[in-house]
Every structure is written in C-alpha cells, then in structure tokens.
Amino acid sequence: MFSIFAIIVQDCQSLLLSLPNVKVHFVKQSTNRLADVIARFSRSFSDHTICETNAPAIMLDILYFKC
C-alpha cells in the first residue's frame, strides 16, 4: 500500500515524463538564493505578485548586486 505522499510523487514523475521539453535540476538552496527569497516572500503577498515597487530590500540587493 502506498502513502499519499508516494502517490503524489509518482503522479509528478509521470507528468514530468510526459513533458519531453521539461528538465528538472537540483540546485542547492544556498546557490539559488534569489529564488529562495522570492518563494519565501511571495507567500506574504495576497496576490502572490512581487514587483520592484513592493519587493523586500534583501531581494533587490541580491538581484542588483549579486546576479
């Protein structure tokens, strides 16, 4: 018997296999800091939209000075 998590993982794997032009790569969180910051802060915005006018300072710092 499979757990619900295992079934979800299996469904995701099947979906990815059906999309030949999609590739998934593991990137360490420390390497992809901007994506991590965007993911964390996007949860606090009601419309899940972040733009330059409402972006947190840390996000702009990473974007402008470290990318």
C-alpha atoms as a PDB file:
ATOM      1  CA  MET A   1       0.000   0.000   0.000  1.00  0.00           C
ATOM      2  CA  PHE A   2       1.354   3.416  -0.999  1.00  0.00           C
ATOM      3  CA  SER A   3       1.248   6.508   1.165  1.00  0.00           C
ATOM      4  CA  ILE A   4      -0.488   9.592  -0.183  1.00  0.00           C
ATOM      5  CA  PHE A   5       2.905  11.280  -0.497  1.00  0.00           C
ATOM      6  CA  ALA A   6       4.250   8.399  -2.604  1.00  0.00           C
ATOM      7  CA  ILE A   7       1.225   8.594  -4.884  1.00  0.00           C
ATOM      8  CA  ILE A   8       1.732  12.346  -5.358  1.00  0.00           C
ATOM      9  CA  VAL A   9       5.418  11.822  -6.145  1.00  0.00           C
ATOM     10  CA  GLN A  10       4.520   9.097  -8.628  1.00  0.00           C
ATOM     11  CA  ASP A  11       1.955  11.387 -10.300  1.00  0.00           C
ATOM     12  CA  CYS A  12       4.555  14.165 -10.555  1.00  0.00           C
ATOM     13  CA  GLN A  13       7.091  11.786 -12.075  1.00  0.00           C
ATOM     14  CA  SER A  14       4.523  10.584 -14.627  1.00  0.00           C
ATOM     15  CA  LEU A  15       3.629  14.156 -15.511  1.00  0.00           C
ATOM     16  CA  LEU A  16       7.269  15.132 -15.982  1.00  0.00           C
ATOM     17  CA  LEU A  17       7.888  12.089 -18.185  1.00  0.00           C
ATOM     18  CA  SER A  18       5.018  13.196 -20.409  1.00  0.00           C
ATOM     19  CA  LEU A  19       6.657  16.603 -20.957  1.00  0.00           C
ATOM     20  CA  PRO A  20       9.712  15.928 -23.142  1.00  0.00           C
ATOM     21  CA  ASN A  21      10.888  19.551 -23.209  1.00  0.00           C
ATOM     22  CA  VAL A  22      10.946  19.939 -19.427  1.00  0.00           C
ATOM     23  CA  LYS A  23      14.043  19.241 -17.381  1.00  0.00           C
ATOM     24  CA  VAL A  24      14.334  19.306 -13.616  1.00  0.00           C
ATOM     25  CA  HIS A  25      17.663  20.001 -11.975  1.00  0.00           C
ATOM     26  CA  PHE A  26      18.580  20.059  -8.317  1.00  0.00           C
ATOM     27  CA  VAL A  27      20.095  23.352  -7.220  1.00  0.00           C
ATOM     28  CA  LYS A  28      21.233  23.836  -3.646  1.00  0.00           C
ATOM     29  CA  GLN A  29      19.246  26.489  -1.832  1.00  0.00           C
ATOM     30  CA  SER A  30      22.409  28.364  -0.941  1.00  0.00           C
ATOM     31  CA  THR A  31      23.298  28.532  -4.620  1.00  0.00           C
ATOM     32  CA  ASN A  32      19.927  29.828  -5.701  1.00  0.00           C
ATOM     33  CA  ARG A  33      19.359  32.429  -3.003  1.00  0.00           C
ATOM     34  CA  LEU A  34      17.202  34.787  -5.071  1.00  0.00           C
ATOM     35  CA  ALA A  35      14.690  32.050  -5.920  1.00  0.00           C
ATOM     36  CA  ASP A  36      14.546  31.103  -2.244  1.00  0.00           C
ATOM     37  CA  VAL A  37      13.901  34.694  -1.169  1.00  0.00           C
ATOM     38  CA  ILE A  38      11.198  35.101  -3.832  1.00  0.00           C
ATOM     39  CA  ALA A  39       9.496  31.877  -2.748  1.00  0.00           C
ATOM     40  CA  ARG A  40       9.519  32.836   0.928  1.00  0.00           C
ATOM     41  CA  PHE A  41       8.312  36.406   0.436  1.00  0.00           C
ATOM     42  CA  SER A  42       5.680  35.622  -2.204  1.00  0.00           C
ATOM     43  CA  ARG A  43       3.636  33.825   0.448  1.00  0.00           C
ATOM     44  CA  SER A  44       3.205  37.090   2.347  1.00  0.00           C
ATOM     45  CA  PHE A  45       1.727  38.977  -0.626  1.00  0.00           C
ATOM     46  CA  SER A  46      -2.015  38.463  -1.027  1.00  0.00           C
ATOM     47  CA  ASP A  47      -1.933  38.316  -4.815  1.00  0.00           C
ATOM     48  CA  HIS A  48       1.376  36.372  -4.867  1.00  0.00           C
ATOM     49  CA  THR A  49       2.890  39.036  -7.108  1.00  0.00           C
ATOM     50  CA  ILE A  50       6.207  40.676  -6.377  1.00  0.00           C
ATOM     51  CA  CYS A  51       7.455  43.574  -8.454  1.00  0.00           C
ATOM     52  CA  GLU A  52      10.148  46.180  -7.993  1.00  0.00           C
ATOM     53  CA  THR A  53       7.820  48.547  -6.152  1.00  0.00           C
ATOM     54  CA  ASN A  54       6.875  46.073  -3.408  1.00  0.00           C
ATOM     55  CA  ALA A  55       9.931  43.817  -3.313  1.00  0.00           C
ATOM     56  CA  PRO A  56      11.763  43.477   0.010  1.00  0.00           C
ATOM     57  CA  ALA A  57      15.153  45.193   0.188  1.00  0.00           C
ATOM     58  CA  ILE A  58      17.018  41.876   0.519  1.00  0.00           C
ATOM     59  CA  MET A  59      15.525  40.706  -2.771  1.00  0.00           C
ATOM     60  CA  LEU A  60      16.540  43.863  -4.604  1.00  0.00           C
ATOM     61  CA  ASP A  61      20.018  43.640  -3.083  1.00  0.00           C
ATOM     62  CA  ILE A  62      20.504  40.112  -4.395  1.00  0.00           C
ATOM     63  CA  LEU A  63      19.059  40.990  -7.787  1.00  0.00           C
ATOM     64  CA  TYR A  64      21.020  44.176  -8.362  1.00  0.00           C
ATOM     65  CA  PHE A  65      24.336  43.377  -6.728  1.00  0.00           C
ATOM     66  CA  LYS A  66      24.807  39.602  -6.723  1.00  0.00           C
ATOM     67  CA  CYS A  67      23.316  38.457 -10.017  1.00  0.00           C
END
